[in-house]
């Protein structure tokens, strides 16, 4: 539970809110924790439910940034991404800049 709030505070905006009313704070908490839950669902895609997976918002952000950069480079050089995704190097590039928790 502590890990959830730590990620929410560091990466999902819980620390940066200046709202004071109860309704606005409730909305912020719900939105931040919902974003975290969605990130967990995305990271579990393709894995069995019995396997425990560590989810870090920092790692998810790194992977999404890597995915965007790879997509931009491939489109600039007109490389067909479908051929590259089969290759293991594509997955290695997605994991670039990730670290173990």
N, C-alpha and C. Protein backbone atom coordinates (compact mmCIF):
# COMPACT_ATOMS: atom_id res chain seq x y z
N UNK A 1 0.82 -1.19 0.00
CA UNK A 1 0.00 0.00 0.00
C UNK A 1 0.88 1.26 0.00
N UNK A 2 1.94 1.23 0.77
CA UNK A 2 2.84 2.37 0.83
C UNK A 2 3.49 2.64 -0.53
N UNK A 3 3.80 1.56 -1.24
CA UNK A 3 4.42 1.68 -2.57
C UNK A 3 3.47 2.37 -3.54
N UNK A 4 2.18 2.09 -3.42
CA UNK A 4 1.18 2.74 -4.28
C UNK A 4 1.19 4.26 -4.08
N UNK A 5 1.15 4.69 -2.84
CA UNK A 5 1.10 6.11 -2.56
C UNK A 5 2.42 6.79 -2.91
N UNK A 6 3.53 6.07 -2.74
CA UNK A 6 4.84 6.63 -3.10
C UNK A 6 4.89 6.92 -4.60
N UNK A 7 4.47 5.96 -5.42
CA UNK A 7 4.43 6.17 -6.87
C UNK A 7 3.45 7.27 -7.24
N UNK A 8 2.30 7.28 -6.59
CA UNK A 8 1.29 8.30 -6.89
C UNK A 8 1.81 9.70 -6.54
N UNK A 9 2.53 9.82 -5.43
CA UNK A 9 3.07 11.12 -5.05
C UNK A 9 4.19 11.56 -5.97
N UNK A 10 5.07 10.63 -6.35
CA UNK A 10 6.23 11.02 -7.16
C UNK A 10 5.88 11.26 -8.62
N UNK A 11 5.00 10.46 -9.19
CA UNK A 11 4.82 10.48 -10.64
C UNK A 11 3.42 10.84 -11.12
N UNK A 12 2.43 10.84 -10.25
CA UNK A 12 1.05 11.03 -10.72
C UNK A 12 0.38 12.28 -10.17
N UNK A 13 1.14 13.17 -9.56
CA UNK A 13 0.61 14.47 -9.22
C UNK A 13 -0.03 14.64 -7.85
N UNK A 14 0.03 13.66 -6.99
CA UNK A 14 -0.57 13.84 -5.66
C UNK A 14 0.15 14.92 -4.85
N UNK A 15 1.42 15.09 -5.09
CA UNK A 15 2.21 16.04 -4.32
C UNK A 15 2.02 17.49 -4.81
N UNK A 16 1.54 17.67 -6.02
CA UNK A 16 1.50 18.99 -6.63
C UNK A 16 0.14 19.66 -6.56
N UNK A 17 -0.81 19.05 -5.92
CA UNK A 17 -2.16 19.61 -5.86
C UNK A 17 -2.23 20.73 -4.83
N UNK A 18 -2.95 21.80 -5.18
CA UNK A 18 -3.14 22.90 -4.24
C UNK A 18 -4.61 23.05 -3.85
N UNK A 19 -5.42 22.08 -4.20
CA UNK A 19 -6.85 22.15 -3.89
C UNK A 19 -7.07 22.00 -2.39
N UNK A 20 -8.14 22.61 -1.92
CA UNK A 20 -8.48 22.52 -0.50
C UNK A 20 -9.85 21.90 -0.25
N UNK A 21 -10.72 21.96 -1.25
CA UNK A 21 -12.07 21.44 -1.02
C UNK A 21 -12.07 19.91 -1.08
N UNK A 22 -12.98 19.32 -0.34
CA UNK A 22 -13.05 17.86 -0.23
C UNK A 22 -13.34 17.21 -1.58
N UNK A 23 -14.25 17.79 -2.36
CA UNK A 23 -14.59 17.21 -3.66
C UNK A 23 -13.40 17.20 -4.62
N UNK A 24 -12.65 18.29 -4.64
CA UNK A 24 -11.48 18.36 -5.53
C UNK A 24 -10.39 17.39 -5.09
N UNK A 25 -10.18 17.28 -3.79
CA UNK A 25 -9.17 16.34 -3.29
C UNK A 25 -9.59 14.90 -3.55
N UNK A 26 -10.88 14.60 -3.37
CA UNK A 26 -11.38 13.25 -3.67
C UNK A 26 -11.16 12.92 -5.15
N UNK A 27 -11.44 13.89 -6.03
CA UNK A 27 -11.24 13.67 -7.45
C UNK A 27 -9.77 13.41 -7.75
N UNK A 28 -8.87 14.19 -7.13
CA UNK A 28 -7.44 14.01 -7.37
C UNK A 28 -6.97 12.64 -6.92
N UNK A 29 -7.38 12.21 -5.73
CA UNK A 29 -6.98 10.89 -5.23
C UNK A 29 -7.50 9.79 -6.15
N UNK A 30 -8.76 9.89 -6.54
CA UNK A 30 -9.34 8.88 -7.43
C UNK A 30 -8.65 8.86 -8.79
N UNK A 31 -8.37 10.02 -9.35
CA UNK A 31 -7.73 10.08 -10.67
C UNK A 31 -6.31 9.52 -10.62
N UNK A 32 -5.55 9.87 -9.59
CA UNK A 32 -4.17 9.39 -9.48
C UNK A 32 -4.11 7.89 -9.27
N UNK A 33 -4.93 7.38 -8.37
CA UNK A 33 -4.90 5.95 -8.09
C UNK A 33 -5.51 5.14 -9.24
N UNK A 34 -6.45 5.74 -9.98
CA UNK A 34 -6.98 5.07 -11.17
C UNK A 34 -5.91 4.98 -12.25
N UNK A 35 -5.15 6.04 -12.43
CA UNK A 35 -4.04 6.01 -13.40
C UNK A 35 -3.03 4.94 -13.03
N UNK A 36 -2.76 4.80 -11.74
CA UNK A 36 -1.85 3.76 -11.28
C UNK A 36 -2.42 2.37 -11.54
N UNK A 37 -3.70 2.19 -11.31
CA UNK A 37 -4.34 0.90 -11.57
C UNK A 37 -4.32 0.56 -13.06
N UNK A 38 -4.55 1.55 -13.90
CA UNK A 38 -4.51 1.32 -15.34
C UNK A 38 -3.10 0.94 -15.77
N UNK A 39 -2.10 1.57 -15.19
CA UNK A 39 -0.70 1.23 -15.50
C UNK A 39 -0.41 -0.22 -15.11
N UNK A 40 -0.96 -0.65 -13.99
CA UNK A 40 -0.76 -2.04 -13.57
C UNK A 40 -1.42 -3.01 -14.54
N UNK A 41 -2.62 -2.68 -15.01
CA UNK A 41 -3.31 -3.54 -15.96
C UNK A 41 -2.52 -3.62 -17.26
N UNK A 42 -2.00 -2.49 -17.73
CA UNK A 42 -1.21 -2.48 -18.95
C UNK A 42 0.05 -3.33 -18.78
N UNK A 43 0.70 -3.22 -17.64
CA UNK A 43 1.94 -3.97 -17.43
C UNK A 43 1.68 -5.47 -17.27
N UNK A 44 0.49 -5.84 -16.82
CA UNK A 44 0.17 -7.26 -16.66
C UNK A 44 -0.30 -7.90 -17.96
N UNK A 45 -0.47 -7.14 -19.01
CA UNK A 45 -0.95 -7.65 -20.28
C UNK A 45 -0.03 -8.76 -20.79
N UNK A 46 -0.58 -9.94 -20.97
CA UNK A 46 0.19 -11.06 -21.48
C UNK A 46 0.79 -11.94 -20.40
N UNK A 47 0.65 -11.57 -19.13
CA UNK A 47 1.18 -12.37 -18.03
C UNK A 47 0.04 -13.11 -17.33
N UNK A 48 0.36 -14.24 -16.74
CA UNK A 48 -0.65 -14.98 -15.98
C UNK A 48 -0.93 -14.25 -14.67
N UNK A 49 -2.14 -14.43 -14.15
CA UNK A 49 -2.54 -13.74 -12.92
C UNK A 49 -1.78 -14.23 -11.70
N UNK A 50 -1.27 -15.43 -11.74
CA UNK A 50 -0.58 -15.98 -10.57
C UNK A 50 0.81 -15.42 -10.38
N UNK A 51 1.39 -14.86 -11.43
CA UNK A 51 2.75 -14.32 -11.36
C UNK A 51 2.71 -12.91 -10.79
N UNK A 52 3.55 -12.65 -9.78
CA UNK A 52 3.65 -11.30 -9.21
C UNK A 52 4.55 -10.45 -10.09
N UNK A 53 4.10 -9.27 -10.41
CA UNK A 53 4.86 -8.35 -11.25
C UNK A 53 5.02 -7.04 -10.50
N UNK A 54 6.26 -6.54 -10.46
CA UNK A 54 6.51 -5.24 -9.86
C UNK A 54 6.20 -4.17 -10.91
N UNK A 55 5.39 -3.21 -10.52
CA UNK A 55 5.00 -2.14 -11.42
C UNK A 55 5.56 -0.83 -10.88
N UNK A 56 6.34 -0.16 -11.69
CA UNK A 56 6.88 1.13 -11.33
C UNK A 56 6.44 2.14 -12.38
N UNK A 57 5.86 3.22 -11.92
CA UNK A 57 5.41 4.25 -12.85
C UNK A 57 6.60 4.85 -13.59
N UNK A 58 7.73 4.98 -12.91
CA UNK A 58 8.93 5.49 -13.55
C UNK A 58 9.35 4.60 -14.72
N UNK A 59 9.29 3.28 -14.51
CA UNK A 59 9.64 2.36 -15.58
C UNK A 59 8.61 2.40 -16.71
N UNK A 60 7.34 2.54 -16.36
CA UNK A 60 6.30 2.64 -17.39
C UNK A 60 6.51 3.90 -18.23
N UNK A 61 6.85 5.01 -17.58
CA UNK A 61 7.10 6.24 -18.31
C UNK A 61 8.31 6.09 -19.23
N UNK A 62 9.36 5.43 -18.74
CA UNK A 62 10.55 5.21 -19.58
C UNK A 62 10.21 4.36 -20.79
N UNK A 63 9.42 3.31 -20.57
CA UNK A 63 9.06 2.44 -21.69
C UNK A 63 8.21 3.18 -22.72
N UNK A 64 7.27 3.99 -22.26
CA UNK A 64 6.42 4.74 -23.19
C UNK A 64 7.24 5.78 -23.96
N UNK A 65 8.19 6.42 -23.29
CA UNK A 65 9.05 7.38 -23.99
C UNK A 65 9.93 6.67 -25.01
N UNK A 66 10.46 5.49 -24.65
CA UNK A 66 11.26 4.71 -25.59
C UNK A 66 10.41 4.28 -26.79
N UNK A 67 9.19 3.85 -26.52
CA UNK A 67 8.29 3.42 -27.60
C UNK A 67 8.01 4.58 -28.56
N UNK A 68 7.80 5.77 -27.99
CA UNK A 68 7.55 6.95 -28.81
C UNK A 68 8.78 7.31 -29.65
N UNK A 69 9.96 7.28 -29.03
CA UNK A 69 11.18 7.63 -29.76
C UNK A 69 11.47 6.63 -30.89
N UNK A 70 11.30 5.34 -30.59
CA UNK A 70 11.52 4.31 -31.61
C UNK A 70 10.54 4.52 -32.77
N UNK A 71 9.30 4.80 -32.44
CA UNK A 71 8.29 5.03 -33.48
C UNK A 71 8.65 6.22 -34.35
N UNK A 72 9.13 7.29 -33.73
CA UNK A 72 9.51 8.48 -34.50
C UNK A 72 10.69 8.21 -35.41
N UNK A 73 11.71 7.50 -34.90
CA UNK A 73 12.88 7.19 -35.72
C UNK A 73 12.49 6.29 -36.88
N UNK A 74 11.68 5.27 -36.60
CA UNK A 74 11.27 4.36 -37.66
C UNK A 74 10.45 5.07 -38.73
N UNK A 75 9.60 5.98 -38.32
CA UNK A 75 8.79 6.69 -39.31
C UNK A 75 9.65 7.66 -40.13
N UNK A 76 10.66 8.27 -39.51
CA UNK A 76 11.55 9.17 -40.25
C UNK A 76 12.32 8.44 -41.34
N UNK A 77 12.77 7.23 -41.02
CA UNK A 77 13.55 6.45 -41.99
C UNK A 77 12.71 5.44 -42.77
N UNK A 78 11.39 5.52 -42.60
CA UNK A 78 10.43 4.66 -43.31
C UNK A 78 10.74 3.18 -43.13
N UNK A 79 11.00 2.80 -41.88
CA UNK A 79 11.26 1.39 -41.55
C UNK A 79 9.94 0.78 -41.10
N UNK A 80 9.62 -0.40 -41.60
CA UNK A 80 8.38 -1.08 -41.22
C UNK A 80 8.55 -1.66 -39.81
N UNK A 81 7.78 -1.13 -38.86
CA UNK A 81 7.91 -1.56 -37.46
C UNK A 81 7.47 -3.00 -37.25
N UNK A 82 6.59 -3.49 -38.08
CA UNK A 82 6.12 -4.86 -37.90
C UNK A 82 7.25 -5.86 -38.03
N UNK A 83 8.22 -5.56 -38.87
CA UNK A 83 9.37 -6.45 -39.00
C UNK A 83 10.28 -6.36 -37.78
N UNK A 84 10.38 -5.18 -37.21
CA UNK A 84 11.29 -4.96 -36.09
C UNK A 84 10.72 -5.55 -34.80
N UNK A 85 9.41 -5.52 -34.61
CA UNK A 85 8.83 -6.00 -33.36
C UNK A 85 9.07 -7.47 -33.13
N UNK A 86 9.26 -8.22 -34.18
CA UNK A 86 9.54 -9.64 -34.03
C UNK A 86 10.94 -9.83 -33.44
N UNK A 87 11.81 -8.93 -33.74
CA UNK A 87 13.20 -9.01 -33.31
C UNK A 87 13.31 -8.74 -31.80
N UNK A 88 14.19 -9.45 -31.12
CA UNK A 88 14.38 -9.26 -29.68
C UNK A 88 14.99 -7.90 -29.36
N UNK A 89 15.67 -7.32 -30.29
CA UNK A 89 16.32 -6.03 -30.03
C UNK A 89 15.29 -4.93 -29.80
N UNK A 90 14.12 -5.06 -30.41
CA UNK A 90 13.07 -4.07 -30.18
C UNK A 90 12.67 -4.08 -28.71
N UNK A 91 12.51 -5.27 -28.14
CA UNK A 91 12.16 -5.37 -26.72
C UNK A 91 13.29 -4.85 -25.84
N UNK A 92 14.53 -5.07 -26.26
CA UNK A 92 15.67 -4.53 -25.51
C UNK A 92 15.67 -3.01 -25.52
N UNK A 93 15.32 -2.43 -26.65
CA UNK A 93 15.26 -0.97 -26.73
C UNK A 93 14.13 -0.40 -25.87
N UNK A 94 13.03 -1.13 -25.76
CA UNK A 94 11.94 -0.67 -24.90
C UNK A 94 12.35 -0.66 -23.44
N UNK A 95 13.22 -1.58 -23.06
CA UNK A 95 13.65 -1.68 -21.67
C UNK A 95 14.84 -0.78 -21.34
N UNK A 96 15.35 -0.06 -22.34
CA UNK A 96 16.47 0.84 -22.12
C UNK A 96 16.10 1.89 -21.07
N UNK A 97 16.99 2.15 -20.15
CA UNK A 97 16.81 3.14 -19.08
C UNK A 97 15.90 2.65 -17.95
N UNK A 98 15.53 1.39 -17.94
CA UNK A 98 14.77 0.85 -16.81
C UNK A 98 15.75 0.37 -15.75
N UNK A 99 15.31 0.35 -14.52
CA UNK A 99 16.15 -0.13 -13.45
C UNK A 99 15.33 -1.04 -12.54
N UNK A 100 16.00 -1.92 -11.84
CA UNK A 100 15.32 -2.84 -10.94
C UNK A 100 14.97 -2.14 -9.63
N UNK A 101 13.78 -2.40 -9.13
CA UNK A 101 13.34 -1.76 -7.89
C UNK A 101 13.90 -2.45 -6.69
